[in-house]
Amino acid sequence: VWDEQLGVNLLDTGAPFYDTYETADGKFISLGSLEPQFYAELMAKLGL
């Protein structure tokens, strides 16, 4: 469950739900929604 290729795993920014994102004011937020229940909470909060 870990690939030695750079940036394709759950914890190395490979997963879009474990990454950082730029906001409208040029700052950043972090996500770590790994577990299914936490991911579901994220999607609900985002309206997705």
All heavy atoms as atom14 arrays in JSON, in Angstrom:
{
  "sequence": "VWDEQLGVNLLDTGAPFYDTYETADGKFISLGSLEPQFYAELMAKLGL",
  "atom14_mask": [
    [1, 1, 1, 1, 1, 1, 1, 0, 0, 0, 0, 0, 0, 0],
    [1, 1, 1, 1, 1, 1, 1, 1, 1, 1, 1, 1, 1, 1],
    [1, 1, 1, 1, 1, 1, 1, 1, 0, 0, 0, 0, 0, 0],
    [1, 1, 1, 1, 1, 1, 1, 1, 1, 0, 0, 0, 0, 0],
    [1, 1, 1, 1, 1, 1, 1, 1, 1, 0, 0, 0, 0, 0],
    [1, 1, 1, 1, 1, 1, 1, 1, 0, 0, 0, 0, 0, 0],
    [1, 1, 1, 1, 0, 0, 0, 0, 0, 0, 0, 0, 0, 0],
    [1, 1, 1, 1, 1, 1, 1, 0, 0, 0, 0, 0, 0, 0],
    [1, 1, 1, 1, 1, 1, 1, 1, 0, 0, 0, 0, 0, 0],
    [1, 1, 1, 1, 1, 1, 1, 1, 0, 0, 0, 0, 0, 0],
    [1, 1, 1, 1, 1, 1, 1, 1, 0, 0, 0, 0, 0, 0],
    [1, 1, 1, 1, 1, 1, 1, 1, 0, 0, 0, 0, 0, 0],
    [1, 1, 1, 1, 1, 1, 1, 0, 0, 0, 0, 0, 0, 0],
    [1, 1, 1, 1, 0, 0, 0, 0, 0, 0, 0, 0, 0, 0],
    [1, 1, 1, 1, 1, 0, 0, 0, 0, 0, 0, 0, 0, 0],
    [1, 1, 1, 1, 1, 1, 1, 0, 0, 0, 0, 0, 0, 0],
    [1, 1, 1, 1, 1, 1, 1, 1, 1, 1, 1, 0, 0, 0],
    [1, 1, 1, 1, 1, 1, 1, 1, 1, 1, 1, 1, 0, 0],
    [1, 1, 1, 1, 1, 1, 1, 1, 0, 0, 0, 0, 0, 0],
    [1, 1, 1, 1, 1, 1, 1, 0, 0, 0, 0, 0, 0, 0],
    [1, 1, 1, 1, 1, 1, 1, 1, 1, 1, 1, 1, 0, 0],
    [1, 1, 1, 1, 1, 1, 1, 1, 1, 0, 0, 0, 0, 0],
    [1, 1, 1, 1, 1, 1, 1, 0, 0, 0, 0, 0, 0, 0],
    [1, 1, 1, 1, 1, 0, 0, 0, 0, 0, 0, 0, 0, 0],
    [1, 1, 1, 1, 1, 1, 1, 1, 0, 0, 0, 0, 0, 0],
    [1, 1, 1, 1, 0, 0, 0, 0, 0, 0, 0, 0, 0, 0],
    [1, 1, 1, 1, 1, 1, 1, 1, 1, 0, 0, 0, 0, 0],
    [1, 1, 1, 1, 1, 1, 1, 1, 1, 1, 1, 0, 0, 0],
    [1, 1, 1, 1, 1, 1, 1, 1, 0, 0, 0, 0, 0, 0],
    [1, 1, 1, 1, 1, 1, 0, 0, 0, 0, 0, 0, 0, 0],
    [1, 1, 1, 1, 1, 1, 1, 1, 0, 0, 0, 0, 0, 0],
    [1, 1, 1, 1, 0, 0, 0, 0, 0, 0, 0, 0, 0, 0],
    [1, 1, 1, 1, 1, 1, 0, 0, 0, 0, 0, 0, 0, 0],
    [1, 1, 1, 1, 1, 1, 1, 1, 0, 0, 0, 0, 0, 0],
    [1, 1, 1, 1, 1, 1, 1, 1, 1, 0, 0, 0, 0, 0],
    [1, 1, 1, 1, 1, 1, 1, 0, 0, 0, 0, 0, 0, 0],
    [1, 1, 1, 1, 1, 1, 1, 1, 1, 0, 0, 0, 0, 0],
    [1, 1, 1, 1, 1, 1, 1, 1, 1, 1, 1, 0, 0, 0],
    [1, 1, 1, 1, 1, 1, 1, 1, 1, 1, 1, 1, 0, 0],
    [1, 1, 1, 1, 1, 0, 0, 0, 0, 0, 0, 0, 0, 0],
    [1, 1, 1, 1, 1, 1, 1, 1, 1, 0, 0, 0, 0, 0],
    [1, 1, 1, 1, 1, 1, 1, 1, 0, 0, 0, 0, 0, 0],
    [1, 1, 1, 1, 1, 1, 1, 1, 0, 0, 0, 0, 0, 0],
    [1, 1, 1, 1, 1, 0, 0, 0, 0, 0, 0, 0, 0, 0],
    [1, 1, 1, 1, 1, 1, 1, 1, 1, 0, 0, 0, 0, 0],
    [1, 1, 1, 1, 1, 1, 1, 1, 0, 0, 0, 0, 0, 0],
    [1, 1, 1, 1, 0, 0, 0, 0, 0, 0, 0, 0, 0, 0],
    [1, 1, 1, 1, 1, 1, 1, 1, 0, 0, 0, 0, 0, 0]
  ],
  "atom14_positions": [
    [[0.82, -1.21, 0.0], [0.0, 0.0, 0.0], [0.86, 1.27, 0.0], [0.37, 2.36, 0.3], [-0.98, 0.01, 1.2], [-2.0, -1.09, 1.05], [-0.23, -0.12, 2.52], [0.0, 0.0, 0.0], [0.0, 0.0, 0.0], [0.0, 0.0, 0.0], [0.0, 0.0, 0.0], [0.0, 0.0, 0.0], [0.0, 0.0, 0.0], [0.0, 0.0, 0.0]],
    [[2.13, 1.11, -0.29], [3.01, 2.28, -0.45], [3.86, 2.08, -1.69], [4.56, 1.07, -1.82], [3.91, 2.47, 0.78], [4.75, 3.72, 0.67], [5.99, 3.84, 0.13], [4.38, 5.04, 1.09], [6.42, 5.15, 0.18], [5.45, 5.91, 0.77], [3.24, 5.55, 1.71], [5.41, 7.27, 1.06], [3.21, 6.92, 1.99], [4.28, 7.76, 1.67]],
    [[3.76, 3.04, -2.61], [4.52, 3.0, -3.87], [5.73, 3.91, -3.73], [5.6, 5.04, -3.24], [3.62, 3.46, -5.01], [4.21, 3.15, -6.39], [5.41, 3.44, -6.59], [3.48, 2.62, -7.24], [0.0, 0.0, 0.0], [0.0, 0.0, 0.0], [0.0, 0.0, 0.0], [0.0, 0.0, 0.0], [0.0, 0.0, 0.0], [0.0, 0.0, 0.0]],
    [[6.89, 3.45, -4.17], [8.1, 4.27, -4.05], [8.13, 5.41, -5.06], [8.99, 6.28, -4.98], [9.35, 3.39, -4.21], [9.56, 2.47, -3.03], [10.94, 1.82, -3.05], [11.15, 0.91, -3.87], [11.79, 2.24, -2.24], [0.0, 0.0, 0.0], [0.0, 0.0, 0.0], [0.0, 0.0, 0.0], [0.0, 0.0, 0.0], [0.0, 0.0, 0.0]],
    [[7.2, 5.45, -5.98], [7.11, 6.58, -6.9], [6.69, 7.82, -6.13], [5.82, 7.77, -5.26], [6.09, 6.27, -8.0], [5.98, 7.35, -9.06], [4.98, 6.99, -10.15], [4.61, 5.82, -10.3], [4.53, 7.99, -10.88], [0.0, 0.0, 0.0], [0.0, 0.0, 0.0], [0.0, 0.0, 0.0], [0.0, 0.0, 0.0], [0.0, 0.0, 0.0]],
    [[7.28, 8.94, -6.43], [7.05, 10.18, -5.68], [5.65, 10.73, -5.91], [5.18, 10.86, -7.03], [8.09, 11.23, -6.09], [8.07, 12.58, -5.38], [8.38, 12.41, -3.9], [9.07, 13.53, -6.01], [0.0, 0.0, 0.0], [0.0, 0.0, 0.0], [0.0, 0.0, 0.0], [0.0, 0.0, 0.0], [0.0, 0.0, 0.0], [0.0, 0.0, 0.0]],
    [[4.99, 11.07, -4.79], [3.74, 11.82, -4.86], [2.54, 11.08, -5.37], [1.64, 11.69, -5.97], [0.0, 0.0, 0.0], [0.0, 0.0, 0.0], [0.0, 0.0, 0.0], [0.0, 0.0, 0.0], [0.0, 0.0, 0.0], [0.0, 0.0, 0.0], [0.0, 0.0, 0.0], [0.0, 0.0, 0.0], [0.0, 0.0, 0.0], [0.0, 0.0, 0.0]],
    [[2.43, 9.76, -5.13], [1.27, 9.01, -5.62], [0.55, 8.27, -4.49], [-0.4, 7.54, -4.75], [1.68, 7.99, -6.72], [2.29, 8.71, -7.91], [2.66, 6.95, -6.16], [0.0, 0.0, 0.0], [0.0, 0.0, 0.0], [0.0, 0.0, 0.0], [0.0, 0.0, 0.0], [0.0, 0.0, 0.0], [0.0, 0.0, 0.0], [0.0, 0.0, 0.0]],
    [[0.98, 8.47, -3.25], [0.43, 7.73, -2.12], [-0.54, 8.58, -1.3], [-0.68, 9.78, -1.51], [1.58, 7.24, -1.24], [2.51, 6.31, -1.98], [2.19, 5.15, -2.22], [3.69, 6.82, -2.35], [0.0, 0.0, 0.0], [0.0, 0.0, 0.0], [0.0, 0.0, 0.0], [0.0, 0.0, 0.0], [0.0, 0.0, 0.0], [0.0, 0.0, 0.0]],
    [[-1.15, 7.93, -0.33], [-2.12, 8.61, 0.52], [-1.51, 9.79, 1.29], [-2.18, 10.8, 1.51], [-2.72, 7.62, 1.53], [-3.82, 6.69, 1.03], [-4.17, 5.69, 2.12], [-5.06, 7.49, 0.63], [0.0, 0.0, 0.0], [0.0, 0.0, 0.0], [0.0, 0.0, 0.0], [0.0, 0.0, 0.0], [0.0, 0.0, 0.0], [0.0, 0.0, 0.0]],
    [[-0.25, 9.66, 1.72], [0.32, 10.64, 2.65], [1.35, 11.57, 2.02], [1.96, 12.37, 2.74], [0.96, 9.89, 3.83], [0.03, 8.99, 4.63], [0.81, 8.2, 5.68], [-1.09, 9.78, 5.28], [0.0, 0.0, 0.0], [0.0, 0.0, 0.0], [0.0, 0.0, 0.0], [0.0, 0.0, 0.0], [0.0, 0.0, 0.0], [0.0, 0.0, 0.0]],
    [[1.57, 11.48, 0.73], [2.63, 12.3, 0.1], [2.07, 13.24, -0.96], [2.76, 13.57, -1.92], [3.71, 11.4, -0.49], [3.18, 10.47, -1.58], [1.98, 10.54, -1.89], [3.98, 9.68, -2.12], [0.0, 0.0, 0.0], [0.0, 0.0, 0.0], [0.0, 0.0, 0.0], [0.0, 0.0, 0.0], [0.0, 0.0, 0.0], [0.0, 0.0, 0.0]],
    [[0.84, 13.7, -0.79], [0.08, 14.57, -1.7], [-0.47, 13.83, -2.91], [-1.05, 14.46, -3.79], [0.89, 15.81, -2.2], [1.88, 15.4, -3.14], [1.55, 16.54, -1.03], [0.0, 0.0, 0.0], [0.0, 0.0, 0.0], [0.0, 0.0, 0.0], [0.0, 0.0, 0.0], [0.0, 0.0, 0.0], [0.0, 0.0, 0.0], [0.0, 0.0, 0.0]],
    [[-0.33, 12.51, -2.94], [-0.94, 11.76, -4.03], [-2.46, 11.8, -3.95], [-3.15, 11.89, -4.96], [0.0, 0.0, 0.0], [0.0, 0.0, 0.0], [0.0, 0.0, 0.0], [0.0, 0.0, 0.0], [0.0, 0.0, 0.0], [0.0, 0.0, 0.0], [0.0, 0.0, 0.0], [0.0, 0.0, 0.0], [0.0, 0.0, 0.0], [0.0, 0.0, 0.0]],
    [[-2.99, 11.73, -2.71], [-4.44, 11.75, -2.51], [-4.93, 13.19, -2.42], [-4.38, 14.0, -1.66], [-4.79, 11.0, -1.23], [0.0, 0.0, 0.0], [0.0, 0.0, 0.0], [0.0, 0.0, 0.0], [0.0, 0.0, 0.0], [0.0, 0.0, 0.0], [0.0, 0.0, 0.0], [0.0, 0.0, 0.0], [0.0, 0.0, 0.0], [0.0, 0.0, 0.0]],
    [[-5.97, 13.55, -3.16], [-6.47, 14.94, -3.13], [-7.08, 15.33, -1.79], [-7.19, 16.53, -1.49], [-7.53, 14.95, -4.24], [-7.94, 13.53, -4.41], [-6.72, 12.71, -4.11], [0.0, 0.0, 0.0], [0.0, 0.0, 0.0], [0.0, 0.0, 0.0], [0.0, 0.0, 0.0], [0.0, 0.0, 0.0], [0.0, 0.0, 0.0], [0.0, 0.0, 0.0]],
    [[-7.43, 14.37, -0.98], [-8.02, 14.66, 0.33], [-6.96, 14.66, 1.44], [-7.29, 14.72, 2.62], [-9.14, 13.66, 0.67], [-8.8, 12.23, 0.34], [-8.09, 11.45, 1.23], [-9.17, 11.69, -0.88], [-7.76, 10.14, 0.92], [-8.85, 10.38, -1.2], [-8.14, 9.6, -0.3], [0.0, 0.0, 0.0], [0.0, 0.0, 0.0], [0.0, 0.0, 0.0]],
    [[-5.68, 14.58, 1.06], [-4.56, 14.73, 2.01], [-3.56, 15.66, 1.33], [-2.54, 15.24, 0.78], [-3.93, 13.38, 2.34], [-3.07, 13.4, 3.59], [-3.61, 13.1, 4.84], [-1.72, 13.75, 3.53], [-2.83, 13.13, 5.98], [-0.94, 13.78, 4.67], [-1.5, 13.47, 5.89], [-0.72, 13.51, 7.03], [0.0, 0.0, 0.0], [0.0, 0.0, 0.0]],
    [[-3.88, 16.96, 1.34], [-3.09, 17.9, 0.55], [-3.37, 19.32, 1.05], [-4.17, 19.52, 1.97], [-3.46, 17.78, -0.94], [-2.34, 18.25, -1.87], [-1.39, 18.9, -1.38], [-2.44, 17.98, -3.07], [0.0, 0.0, 0.0], [0.0, 0.0, 0.0], [0.0, 0.0, 0.0], [0.0, 0.0, 0.0], [0.0, 0.0, 0.0], [0.0, 0.0, 0.0]],
    [[-2.71, 20.29, 0.46], [-2.95, 21.7, 0.76], [-3.58, 22.37, -0.46], [-3.32, 21.97, -1.6], [-1.64, 22.42, 1.13], [-0.71, 22.33, 0.03], [-1.01, 21.82, 2.37], [0.0, 0.0, 0.0], [0.0, 0.0, 0.0], [0.0, 0.0, 0.0], [0.0, 0.0, 0.0], [0.0, 0.0, 0.0], [0.0, 0.0, 0.0], [0.0, 0.0, 0.0]],
    [[-4.36, 23.41, -0.18], [-5.04, 24.13, -1.27], [-4.98, 25.63, -1.03], [-5.1, 26.1, 0.11], [-6.5, 23.67, -1.37], [-6.62, 22.25, -1.88], [-6.69, 21.19, -0.98], [-6.62, 21.97, -3.24], [-6.77, 19.87, -1.43], [-6.69, 20.65, -3.71], [-6.76, 19.62, -2.79], [-6.82, 18.32, -3.24], [0.0, 0.0, 0.0], [0.0, 0.0, 0.0]],
    [[-4.83, 26.36, -2.14], [-4.78, 27.81, -2.07], [-6.19, 28.37, -1.96], [-7.13, 27.87, -2.58], [-4.09, 28.39, -3.3], [-3.85, 29.89, -3.23], [-3.07, 30.43, -4.41], [-2.72, 29.62, -5.31], [-2.82, 31.64, -4.44], [0.0, 0.0, 0.0], [0.0, 0.0, 0.0], [0.0, 0.0, 0.0], [0.0, 0.0, 0.0], [0.0, 0.0, 0.0]],
    [[-6.33, 29.44, -1.17], [-7.62, 30.09, -1.0], [-7.68, 31.4, -1.77], [-6.7, 31.8, -2.4], [-7.89, 30.34, 0.5], [-6.8, 31.11, 1.05], [-7.99, 29.02, 1.25], [0.0, 0.0, 0.0], [0.0, 0.0, 0.0], [0.0, 0.0, 0.0], [0.0, 0.0, 0.0], [0.0, 0.0, 0.0], [0.0, 0.0, 0.0], [0.0, 0.0, 0.0]],
    [[-8.81, 32.07, -1.71], [-9.02, 33.26, -2.52], [-8.05, 34.38, -2.2], [-7.77, 35.23, -3.06], [-10.47, 33.75, -2.35], [0.0, 0.0, 0.0], [0.0, 0.0, 0.0], [0.0, 0.0, 0.0], [0.0, 0.0, 0.0], [0.0, 0.0, 0.0], [0.0, 0.0, 0.0], [0.0, 0.0, 0.0], [0.0, 0.0, 0.0], [0.0, 0.0, 0.0]],
    [[-7.55, 34.42, -0.98], [-6.63, 35.49, -0.57], [-5.17, 35.1, -0.69], [-4.28, 35.74, -0.12], [-6.95, 35.95, 0.85], [-7.02, 34.8, 1.85], [-6.97, 33.63, 1.42], [-7.13, 35.07, 3.06], [0.0, 0.0, 0.0], [0.0, 0.0, 0.0], [0.0, 0.0, 0.0], [0.0, 0.0, 0.0], [0.0, 0.0, 0.0], [0.0, 0.0, 0.0]],
    [[-4.87, 34.01, -1.42], [-3.48, 33.59, -1.63], [-2.88, 32.85, -0.48], [-1.67, 32.6, -0.47], [0.0, 0.0, 0.0], [0.0, 0.0, 0.0], [0.0, 0.0, 0.0], [0.0, 0.0, 0.0], [0.0, 0.0, 0.0], [0.0, 0.0, 0.0], [0.0, 0.0, 0.0], [0.0, 0.0, 0.0], [0.0, 0.0, 0.0], [0.0, 0.0, 0.0]],
    [[-3.69, 32.48, 0.51], [-3.21, 31.68, 1.64], [-3.57, 30.22, 1.4], [-4.07, 29.87, 0.32], [-3.79, 32.21, 2.95], [-3.34, 33.65, 3.23], [-3.92, 34.19, 4.53], [-3.44, 35.63, 4.76], [-3.97, 36.19, 6.02], [0.0, 0.0, 0.0], [0.0, 0.0, 0.0], [0.0, 0.0, 0.0], [0.0, 0.0, 0.0], [0.0, 0.0, 0.0]],
    [[-3.3, 29.36, 2.38], [-3.5, 27.93, 2.16], [-4.2, 27.27, 3.33], [-4.13, 27.72, 4.47], [-2.14, 27.25, 1.93], [-1.49, 27.64, 0.63], [-0.7, 28.78, 0.56], [-1.68, 26.89, -0.52], [-0.11, 29.16, -0.64], [-1.08, 27.25, -1.72], [-0.3, 28.39, -1.78], [0.0, 0.0, 0.0], [0.0, 0.0, 0.0], [0.0, 0.0, 0.0]],
    [[-4.9, 26.17, 3.01], [-5.52, 25.33, 4.03], [-5.01, 23.9, 3.83], [-4.5, 23.55, 2.77], [-7.06, 25.39, 3.98], [-7.6, 24.94, 2.61], [-7.54, 26.8, 4.29], [-8.01, 23.51, 2.54], [0.0, 0.0, 0.0], [0.0, 0.0, 0.0], [0.0, 0.0, 0.0], [0.0, 0.0, 0.0], [0.0, 0.0, 0.0], [0.0, 0.0, 0.0]],
    [[-5.15, 23.08, 4.87], [-4.72, 21.68, 4.78], [-5.89, 20.75, 5.02], [-6.76, 21.03, 5.83], [-3.61, 21.39, 5.81], [-4.16, 21.4, 7.12], [0.0, 0.0, 0.0], [0.0, 0.0, 0.0], [0.0, 0.0, 0.0], [0.0, 0.0, 0.0], [0.0, 0.0, 0.0], [0.0, 0.0, 0.0], [0.0, 0.0, 0.0], [0.0, 0.0, 0.0]],
    [[-5.88, 19.62, 4.31], [-6.86, 18.57, 4.49], [-6.14, 17.28, 4.85], [-5.06, 17.0, 4.32], [-7.68, 18.33, 3.22], [-8.5, 19.48, 2.66], [-9.2, 19.03, 1.38], [-9.51, 19.97, 3.68], [0.0, 0.0, 0.0], [0.0, 0.0, 0.0], [0.0, 0.0, 0.0], [0.0, 0.0, 0.0], [0.0, 0.0, 0.0], [0.0, 0.0, 0.0]],
    [[-6.77, 16.48, 5.72], [-6.25, 15.16, 6.06], [-7.38, 14.17, 6.24], [-7.37, 13.37, 7.17], [0.0, 0.0, 0.0], [0.0, 0.0, 0.0], [0.0, 0.0, 0.0], [0.0, 0.0, 0.0], [0.0, 0.0, 0.0], [0.0, 0.0, 0.0], [0.0, 0.0, 0.0], [0.0, 0.0, 0.0], [0.0, 0.0, 0.0], [0.0, 0.0, 0.0]],
    [[-8.33, 14.24, 5.34], [-9.59, 13.47, 5.48], [-9.41, 12.04, 4.99], [-10.01, 11.63, 3.99], [-10.71, 14.17, 4.7], [-10.7, 15.56, 4.94], [0.0, 0.0, 0.0], [0.0, 0.0, 0.0], [0.0, 0.0, 0.0], [0.0, 0.0, 0.0], [0.0, 0.0, 0.0], [0.0, 0.0, 0.0], [0.0, 0.0, 0.0], [0.0, 0.0, 0.0]],
    [[-8.61, 11.26, 5.69], [-8.26, 9.92, 5.24], [-9.38, 8.9, 5.45], [-9.76, 8.19, 4.52], [-6.99, 9.44, 5.95], [-5.68, 10.14, 5.56], [-4.57, 9.68, 6.48], [-5.33, 9.82, 4.11], [0.0, 0.0, 0.0], [0.0, 0.0, 0.0], [0.0, 0.0, 0.0], [0.0, 0.0, 0.0], [0.0, 0.0, 0.0], [0.0, 0.0, 0.0]],
    [[-9.89, 8.8, 6.67], [-10.88, 7.79, 6.99], [-12.21, 8.11, 6.3], [-12.56, 9.29, 6.13], [-11.07, 7.69, 8.5], [-9.85, 7.14, 9.24], [-8.76, 8.17, 9.48], [-8.91, 9.35, 9.07], [-7.74, 7.82, 10.09], [0.0, 0.0, 0.0], [0.0, 0.0, 0.0], [0.0, 0.0, 0.0], [0.0, 0.0, 0.0], [0.0, 0.0, 0.0]],
    [[-12.97, 7.08, 5.92], [-14.22, 7.3, 5.18], [-15.18, 8.26, 5.88], [-15.8, 9.12, 5.23], [-14.82, 5.89, 5.07], [-13.65, 4.98, 5.18], [-12.68, 5.64, 6.1], [0.0, 0.0, 0.0], [0.0, 0.0, 0.0], [0.0, 0.0, 0.0], [0.0, 0.0, 0.0], [0.0, 0.0, 0.0], [0.0, 0.0, 0.0], [0.0, 0.0, 0.0]],
    [[-15.31, 8.13, 7.2], [-16.25, 9.0, 7.91], [-15.78, 10.45, 7.92], [-16.61, 11.38, 7.88], [-16.48, 8.49, 9.34], [-15.29, 8.59, 10.28], [-14.36, 7.39, 10.23], [-14.28, 6.71, 9.2], [-13.67, 7.12, 11.34], [0.0, 0.0, 0.0], [0.0, 0.0, 0.0], [0.0, 0.0, 0.0], [0.0, 0.0, 0.0], [0.0, 0.0, 0.0]],
    [[-14.47, 10.66, 7.95], [-13.95, 12.02, 7.91], [-14.08, 12.61, 6.51], [-14.35, 13.8, 6.33], [-12.49, 12.05, 8.37], [-12.3, 11.55, 9.78], [-11.1, 10.97, 10.18], [-13.31, 11.67, 10.73], [-10.92, 10.52, 11.48], [-13.14, 11.22, 12.03], [-11.94, 10.64, 12.4], [0.0, 0.0, 0.0], [0.0, 0.0, 0.0], [0.0, 0.0, 0.0]],
    [[-13.87, 11.77, 5.51], [-14.03, 12.22, 4.12], [-15.5, 12.58, 3.87], [-15.79, 13.59, 3.21], [-13.59, 11.1, 3.17], [-13.72, 11.47, 1.71], [-12.82, 12.34, 1.1], [-14.75, 10.94, 0.93], [-12.95, 12.67, -0.24], [-14.88, 11.26, -0.41], [-13.99, 12.13, -0.99], [-14.11, 12.45, -2.33], [0.0, 0.0, 0.0], [0.0, 0.0, 0.0]],
    [[-16.41, 11.78, 4.4], [-17.84, 12.08, 4.25], [-18.18, 13.42, 4.89], [-18.96, 14.21, 4.35], [-18.67, 10.96, 4.86], [0.0, 0.0, 0.0], [0.0, 0.0, 0.0], [0.0, 0.0, 0.0], [0.0, 0.0, 0.0], [0.0, 0.0, 0.0], [0.0, 0.0, 0.0], [0.0, 0.0, 0.0], [0.0, 0.0, 0.0], [0.0, 0.0, 0.0]],
    [[-17.58, 13.68, 6.05], [-17.8, 14.96, 6.73], [-17.28, 16.12, 5.87], [-17.93, 17.16, 5.75], [-17.1, 14.95, 8.09], [-17.15, 16.26, 8.84], [-18.42, 16.47, 9.63], [-19.34, 15.64, 9.51], [-18.51, 17.48, 10.35], [0.0, 0.0, 0.0], [0.0, 0.0, 0.0], [0.0, 0.0, 0.0], [0.0, 0.0, 0.0], [0.0, 0.0, 0.0]],
    [[-16.1, 15.94, 5.27], [-15.54, 16.97, 4.4], [-16.48, 17.26, 3.23], [-16.79, 18.43, 2.94], [-14.18, 16.52, 3.87], [-13.57, 17.41, 2.78], [-13.17, 18.76, 3.36], [-12.35, 16.73, 2.14], [0.0, 0.0, 0.0], [0.0, 0.0, 0.0], [0.0, 0.0, 0.0], [0.0, 0.0, 0.0], [0.0, 0.0, 0.0], [0.0, 0.0, 0.0]],
    [[-16.92, 16.22, 2.57], [-17.78, 16.4, 1.4], [-19.09, 17.08, 1.78], [-19.62, 17.92, 1.03], [-18.03, 15.07, 0.72], [-16.76, 14.38, 0.22], [-15.82, 15.39, -0.96], [-16.71, 15.01, -2.48], [0.0, 0.0, 0.0], [0.0, 0.0, 0.0], [0.0, 0.0, 0.0], [0.0, 0.0, 0.0], [0.0, 0.0, 0.0], [0.0, 0.0, 0.0]],
    [[-19.61, 16.75, 2.96], [-20.85, 17.39, 3.41], [-20.61, 18.87, 3.7], [-21.43, 19.72, 3.32], [-21.36, 16.68, 4.66], [0.0, 0.0, 0.0], [0.0, 0.0, 0.0], [0.0, 0.0, 0.0], [0.0, 0.0, 0.0], [0.0, 0.0, 0.0], [0.0, 0.0, 0.0], [0.0, 0.0, 0.0], [0.0, 0.0, 0.0], [0.0, 0.0, 0.0]],
    [[-19.5, 19.19, 4.37], [-19.19, 20.58, 4.68], [-18.96, 21.4, 3.42], [-19.26, 22.61, 3.39], [-17.93, 20.64, 5.56], [-18.14, 20.15, 6.99], [-18.91, 21.16, 7.8], [-19.01, 20.77, 9.25], [-19.78, 21.76, 10.03], [0.0, 0.0, 0.0], [0.0, 0.0, 0.0], [0.0, 0.0, 0.0], [0.0, 0.0, 0.0], [0.0, 0.0, 0.0]],
    [[-18.42, 20.76, 2.37], [-18.15, 21.45, 1.12], [-19.38, 21.47, 0.21], [-19.35, 22.11, -0.86], [-16.99, 20.78, 0.38], [-15.63, 20.79, 1.09], [-14.57, 20.11, 0.23], [-15.19, 22.21, 1.44], [0.0, 0.0, 0.0], [0.0, 0.0, 0.0], [0.0, 0.0, 0.0], [0.0, 0.0, 0.0], [0.0, 0.0, 0.0], [0.0, 0.0, 0.0]],
    [[-20.44, 20.77, 0.59], [-21.65, 20.72, -0.23], [-21.49, 19.83, -1.45], [-22.21, 19.99, -2.44], [0.0, 0.0, 0.0], [0.0, 0.0, 0.0], [0.0, 0.0, 0.0], [0.0, 0.0, 0.0], [0.0, 0.0, 0.0], [0.0, 0.0, 0.0], [0.0, 0.0, 0.0], [0.0, 0.0, 0.0], [0.0, 0.0, 0.0], [0.0, 0.0, 0.0]],
    [[-20.55, 18.89, -1.39], [-20.28, 18.01, -2.53], [-20.81, 16.6, -2.33], [-20.63, 15.74, -3.19], [-18.77, 17.95, -2.8], [-18.08, 19.27, -3.17], [-16.57, 19.05, -3.28], [-18.64, 19.82, -4.48], [0.0, 0.0, 0.0], [0.0, 0.0, 0.0], [0.0, 0.0, 0.0], [0.0, 0.0, 0.0], [0.0, 0.0, 0.0], [0.0, 0.0, 0.0]]
  ]
}
